Amino acid sequence: MLVAMTVPAPALFGSGTARTAEPIPVILYKNPSCTCCEAYAQYLDENGFQVDVRPTNDLAEISRKAGIPENLEGCHTSFIGGYVVDGHVPVNTIRKLLDEKPAIAGITLPGMPPGVPGMGGEKTGPLTIYAVSNDGTPPRVFAVD
């Protein structure tokens, strides 16, 4: 005689089975007519973030108040885990920021380089992502991707 038995999944696979992580919330401010920002938001969504896109005509002011120097502004400004993330920063660099939790205001990838997440074209070289401070010290290199 066969006896059917239900065994909970943890018993079959051990207690170390991976759980789906909660998405990381993001507020992304962008120019209302910018389509690359929409593509970047989709990229974040596909990589474990939950993006709330907020079109605005005050993007430069938002970046400035967040501590991003004008010469280092990206094409949109996001707030993630208590940090400002300006521009098309790759998710591996965002995860580094969130894992290390440095005492900075945030990070920025200036401009709109080709081949970055959300932008078309071929990547032409390494991307320099800068850390911006809370205390007025000059920006410094945070990561090169």
C-alpha atoms as a PDB file:
ATOM      1  CA  MET A   1       0.000   0.000   0.000  1.00  0.00           C
ATOM      2  CA  LEU A   2       1.278   3.471  -0.939  1.00  0.00           C
ATOM      3  CA  VAL A   3       0.843   6.329   1.474  1.00  0.00           C
ATOM      4  CA  ALA A   4       0.881   9.868   0.165  1.00  0.00           C
ATOM      5  CA  MET A   5       2.881  12.211   2.279  1.00  0.00           C
ATOM      6  CA  THR A   6       3.150  15.989   2.086  1.00  0.00           C
ATOM      7  CA  VAL A   7       6.529  17.326   3.044  1.00  0.00           C
ATOM      8  CA  PRO A   8       7.000  21.077   3.450  1.00  0.00           C
ATOM      9  CA  ALA A   9       9.473  22.581   0.973  1.00  0.00           C
ATOM     10  CA  PRO A  10      11.964  23.648   3.689  1.00  0.00           C
ATOM     11  CA  ALA A  11      12.222  20.033   4.798  1.00  0.00           C
ATOM     12  CA  LEU A  12      13.087  18.991   1.264  1.00  0.00           C
ATOM     13  CA  PHE A  13      15.531  21.781   0.509  1.00  0.00           C
ATOM     14  CA  GLY A  14      16.843  22.744   3.923  1.00  0.00           C
ATOM     15  CA  SER A  15      16.086  25.898   5.820  1.00  0.00           C
ATOM     16  CA  GLY A  16      18.448  27.976   3.699  1.00  0.00           C
ATOM     17  CA  THR A  17      16.152  28.274   0.693  1.00  0.00           C
ATOM     18  CA  ALA A  18      16.183  31.704  -0.882  1.00  0.00           C
ATOM     19  CA  ARG A  19      13.213  33.971  -0.364  1.00  0.00           C
ATOM     20  CA  THR A  20      12.164  36.627  -2.780  1.00  0.00           C
ATOM     21  CA  ALA A  21      13.455  39.925  -1.446  1.00  0.00           C
ATOM     22  CA  GLU A  22      11.089  42.833  -1.114  1.00  0.00           C
ATOM     23  CA  PRO A  23      11.582  45.394  -3.881  1.00  0.00           C
ATOM     24  CA  ILE A  24      13.593  48.445  -2.873  1.00  0.00           C
ATOM     25  CA  PRO A  25      11.490  51.617  -3.160  1.00  0.00           C
ATOM     26  CA  VAL A  26      12.730  54.402  -5.421  1.00  0.00           C
ATOM     27  CA  ILE A  27      11.350  57.866  -6.083  1.00  0.00           C
ATOM     28  CA  LEU A  28      12.612  59.039  -9.482  1.00  0.00           C
ATOM     29  CA  TYR A  29      12.183  62.678 -10.570  1.00  0.00           C
ATOM     30  CA  LYS A  30      12.492  63.320 -14.288  1.00  0.00           C
ATOM     31  CA  ASN A  31      11.770  65.840 -16.987  1.00  0.00           C
ATOM     32  CA  PRO A  32       8.205  65.154 -18.238  1.00  0.00           C
ATOM     33  CA  SER A  33       9.345  64.650 -21.844  1.00  0.00           C
ATOM     34  CA  CYS A  34      12.405  62.450 -21.204  1.00  0.00           C
ATOM     35  CA  THR A  35      12.014  58.893 -22.499  1.00  0.00           C
ATOM     36  CA  CYS A  36      15.437  57.581 -21.415  1.00  0.00           C
ATOM     37  CA  CYS A  37      14.379  58.159 -17.799  1.00  0.00           C
ATOM     38  CA  GLU A  38      11.372  55.891 -18.371  1.00  0.00           C
ATOM     39  CA  ALA A  39      13.711  53.222 -19.763  1.00  0.00           C
ATOM     40  CA  TYR A  40      15.963  53.617 -16.709  1.00  0.00           C
ATOM     41  CA  ALA A  41      12.967  53.254 -14.372  1.00  0.00           C
ATOM     42  CA  GLN A  42      12.037  50.044 -16.194  1.00  0.00           C
ATOM     43  CA  TYR A  43      15.634  48.808 -15.814  1.00  0.00           C
ATOM     44  CA  LEU A  44      15.419  49.422 -12.055  1.00  0.00           C
ATOM     45  CA  ASP A  45      12.028  47.664 -11.875  1.00  0.00           C
ATOM     46  CA  GLU A  46      13.525  44.641 -13.652  1.00  0.00           C
ATOM     47  CA  ASN A  47      16.366  44.532 -11.112  1.00  0.00           C
ATOM     48  CA  GLY A  48      14.555  44.426  -7.781  1.00  0.00           C
ATOM     49  CA  PHE A  49      13.479  48.038  -7.294  1.00  0.00           C
ATOM     50  CA  GLN A  50       9.976  49.505  -7.161  1.00  0.00           C
ATOM     51  CA  VAL A  51      10.046  52.858  -8.928  1.00  0.00           C
ATOM     52  CA  ASP A  52       7.641  55.736  -8.395  1.00  0.00           C
ATOM     53  CA  VAL A  53       8.269  58.061 -11.380  1.00  0.00           C
ATOM     54  CA  ARG A  54       7.466  61.724 -10.747  1.00  0.00           C
ATOM     55  CA  PRO A  55       7.648  64.088 -13.723  1.00  0.00           C
ATOM     56  CA  THR A  56       8.783  67.610 -12.791  1.00  0.00           C
ATOM     57  CA  ASN A  57       9.943  70.828 -14.386  1.00  0.00           C
ATOM     58  CA  ASP A  58      12.118  71.544 -11.311  1.00  0.00           C
ATOM     59  CA  LEU A  59      14.730  68.807 -11.799  1.00  0.00           C
ATOM     60  CA  ALA A  60      17.766  71.103 -11.481  1.00  0.00           C
ATOM     61  CA  GLU A  61      16.407  72.480  -8.200  1.00  0.00           C
ATOM     62  CA  ILE A  62      15.745  68.971  -6.849  1.00  0.00           C
ATOM     63  CA  SER A  63      19.308  67.902  -7.736  1.00  0.00           C
ATOM     64  CA  ARG A  64      20.801  71.048  -6.210  1.00  0.00           C
ATOM     65  CA  LYS A  65      18.876  70.635  -2.944  1.00  0.00           C
ATOM     66  CA  ALA A  66      20.001  66.994  -2.812  1.00  0.00           C
ATOM     67  CA  GLY A  67      23.654  68.096  -2.982  1.00  0.00           C
ATOM     68  CA  ILE A  68      24.491  67.302  -6.604  1.00  0.00           C
ATOM     69  CA  PRO A  69      26.890  69.898  -8.074  1.00  0.00           C
ATOM     70  CA  GLU A  70      25.650  71.352 -11.365  1.00  0.00           C
ATOM     71  CA  ASN A  71      28.657  70.009 -13.290  1.00  0.00           C
ATOM     72  CA  LEU A  72      27.920  66.454 -12.062  1.00  0.00           C
ATOM     73  CA  GLU A  73      24.158  66.344 -12.698  1.00  0.00           C
ATOM     74  CA  GLY A  74      22.661  63.369 -14.472  1.00  0.00           C
ATOM     75  CA  CYS A  75      19.474  63.307 -16.461  1.00  0.00           C
ATOM     76  CA  HIS A  76      17.168  62.392 -13.543  1.00  0.00           C
ATOM     77  CA  THR A  77      17.327  62.323  -9.751  1.00  0.00           C
ATOM     78  CA  SER A  78      16.319  59.342  -7.612  1.00  0.00           C
ATOM     79  CA  PHE A  79      16.053  58.811  -3.897  1.00  0.00           C
ATOM     80  CA  ILE A  80      16.863  55.278  -2.755  1.00  0.00           C
ATOM     81  CA  GLY A  81      17.442  54.050   0.796  1.00  0.00           C
ATOM     82  CA  GLY A  82      18.136  57.526   2.171  1.00  0.00           C
ATOM     83  CA  TYR A  83      20.576  58.429  -0.627  1.00  0.00           C
ATOM     84  CA  VAL A  84      20.333  60.539  -3.748  1.00  0.00           C
ATOM     85  CA  VAL A  85      21.241  58.650  -6.930  1.00  0.00           C
ATOM     86  CA  ASP A  86      21.591  61.009  -9.887  1.00  0.00           C
ATOM     87  CA  GLY A  87      21.739  59.814 -13.484  1.00  0.00           C
ATOM     88  CA  HIS A  88      21.903  56.397 -15.129  1.00  0.00           C
ATOM     89  CA  VAL A  89      23.837  54.635 -12.351  1.00  0.00           C
ATOM     90  CA  PRO A  90      24.068  50.840 -12.880  1.00  0.00           C
ATOM     91  CA  VAL A  91      22.301  48.695 -10.251  1.00  0.00           C
ATOM     92  CA  ASN A  92      25.528  47.007  -9.128  1.00  0.00           C
ATOM     93  CA  THR A  93      26.808  50.425  -8.013  1.00  0.00           C
ATOM     94  CA  ILE A  94      23.495  51.255  -6.310  1.00  0.00           C
ATOM     95  CA  ARG A  95      23.649  47.938  -4.445  1.00  0.00           C
ATOM     96  CA  LYS A  96      27.243  48.723  -3.391  1.00  0.00           C
ATOM     97  CA  LEU A  97      26.003  52.060  -2.000  1.00  0.00           C
ATOM     98  CA  LEU A  98      23.134  50.419  -0.115  1.00  0.00           C
ATOM     99  CA  ASP A  99      25.329  47.589   1.214  1.00  0.00           C
ATOM    100  CA  GLU A 100      28.251  49.778   2.354  1.00  0.00           C
ATOM    101  CA  LYS A 101      26.102  52.652   3.721  1.00  0.00           C
ATOM    102  CA  PRO A 102      28.817  55.326   3.493  1.00  0.00           C
ATOM    103  CA  ALA A 103      28.324  58.679   5.230  1.00  0.00           C
ATOM    104  CA  ILE A 104      27.600  60.600   2.011  1.00  0.00           C
ATOM    105  CA  ALA A 105      24.584  62.319   0.446  1.00  0.00           C
ATOM    106  CA  GLY A 106      24.655  59.994  -2.545  1.00  0.00           C
ATOM    107  CA  ILE A 107      26.170  59.192  -5.912  1.00  0.00           C
ATOM    108  CA  THR A 108      25.971  60.590  -9.424  1.00  0.00           C
ATOM    109  CA  LEU A 109      26.802  59.579 -12.971  1.00  0.00           C
ATOM    110  CA  PRO A 110      27.010  62.897 -14.848  1.00  0.00           C
ATOM    111  CA  GLY A 111      25.399  63.469 -18.213  1.00  0.00           C
ATOM    112  CA  MET A 112      23.869  60.854 -20.440  1.00  0.00           C
ATOM    113  CA  PRO A 113      26.706  58.559 -21.584  1.00  0.00           C
ATOM    114  CA  PRO A 114      25.882  56.145 -24.405  1.00  0.00           C
ATOM    115  CA  GLY A 115      25.397  52.497 -23.475  1.00  0.00           C
ATOM    116  CA  VAL A 116      24.374  53.077 -19.847  1.00  0.00           C
ATOM    117  CA  PRO A 117      21.149  51.522 -18.508  1.00  0.00           C
ATOM    118  CA  GLY A 118      18.239  53.307 -20.136  1.00  0.00           C
ATOM    119  CA  MET A 119      20.311  54.852 -22.931  1.00  0.00           C
ATOM    120  CA  GLY A 120      20.896  53.485 -26.391  1.00  0.00           C
ATOM    121  CA  GLY A 121      24.213  53.097 -28.114  1.00  0.00           C
ATOM    122  CA  GLU A 122      27.442  51.369 -27.272  1.00  0.00           C
ATOM    123  CA  LYS A 123      29.271  51.929 -24.011  1.00  0.00           C
ATOM    124  CA  THR A 124      32.450  53.772 -24.993  1.00  0.00           C
ATOM    125  CA  GLY A 125      34.504  53.243 -21.863  1.00  0.00           C
ATOM    126  CA  PRO A 126      34.397  52.954 -18.104  1.00  0.00           C
ATOM    127  CA  LEU A 127      31.804  54.979 -16.211  1.00  0.00           C
ATOM    128  CA  THR A 128      32.966  57.131 -13.323  1.00  0.00           C
ATOM    129  CA  ILE A 129      30.365  57.438 -10.581  1.00  0.00           C
ATOM    130  CA  TYR A 130      31.020  60.172  -8.025  1.00  0.00           C
ATOM    131  CA  ALA A 131      30.160  60.338  -4.325  1.00  0.00           C
ATOM    132  CA  VAL A 132      28.725  63.632  -3.125  1.00  0.00           C
ATOM    133  CA  SER A 133      29.072  64.571   0.507  1.00  0.00           C
ATOM    134  CA  ASN A 134      26.773  65.814   3.218  1.00  0.00           C
ATOM    135  CA  ASP A 135      29.426  68.163   4.588  1.00  0.00           C
ATOM    136  CA  GLY A 136      30.557  70.177   1.566  1.00  0.00           C
ATOM    137  CA  THR A 137      33.754  68.237   0.861  1.00  0.00           C
ATOM    138  CA  PRO A 138      34.504  67.956  -2.864  1.00  0.00           C
ATOM    139  CA  PRO A 139      33.033  65.019  -4.798  1.00  0.00           C
ATOM    140  CA  ARG A 140      35.243  61.960  -5.095  1.00  0.00           C
ATOM    141  CA  VAL A 141      35.184  58.817  -7.198  1.00  0.00           C
ATOM    142  CA  PHE A 142      32.837  56.241  -5.660  1.00  0.00           C
ATOM    143  CA  ALA A 143      33.062  53.548  -8.334  1.00  0.00           C
ATOM    144  CA  VAL A 144      34.196  52.913 -11.878  1.00  0.00           C
ATOM    145  CA  ASP A 145      31.929  50.587 -13.806  1.00  0.00           C
END
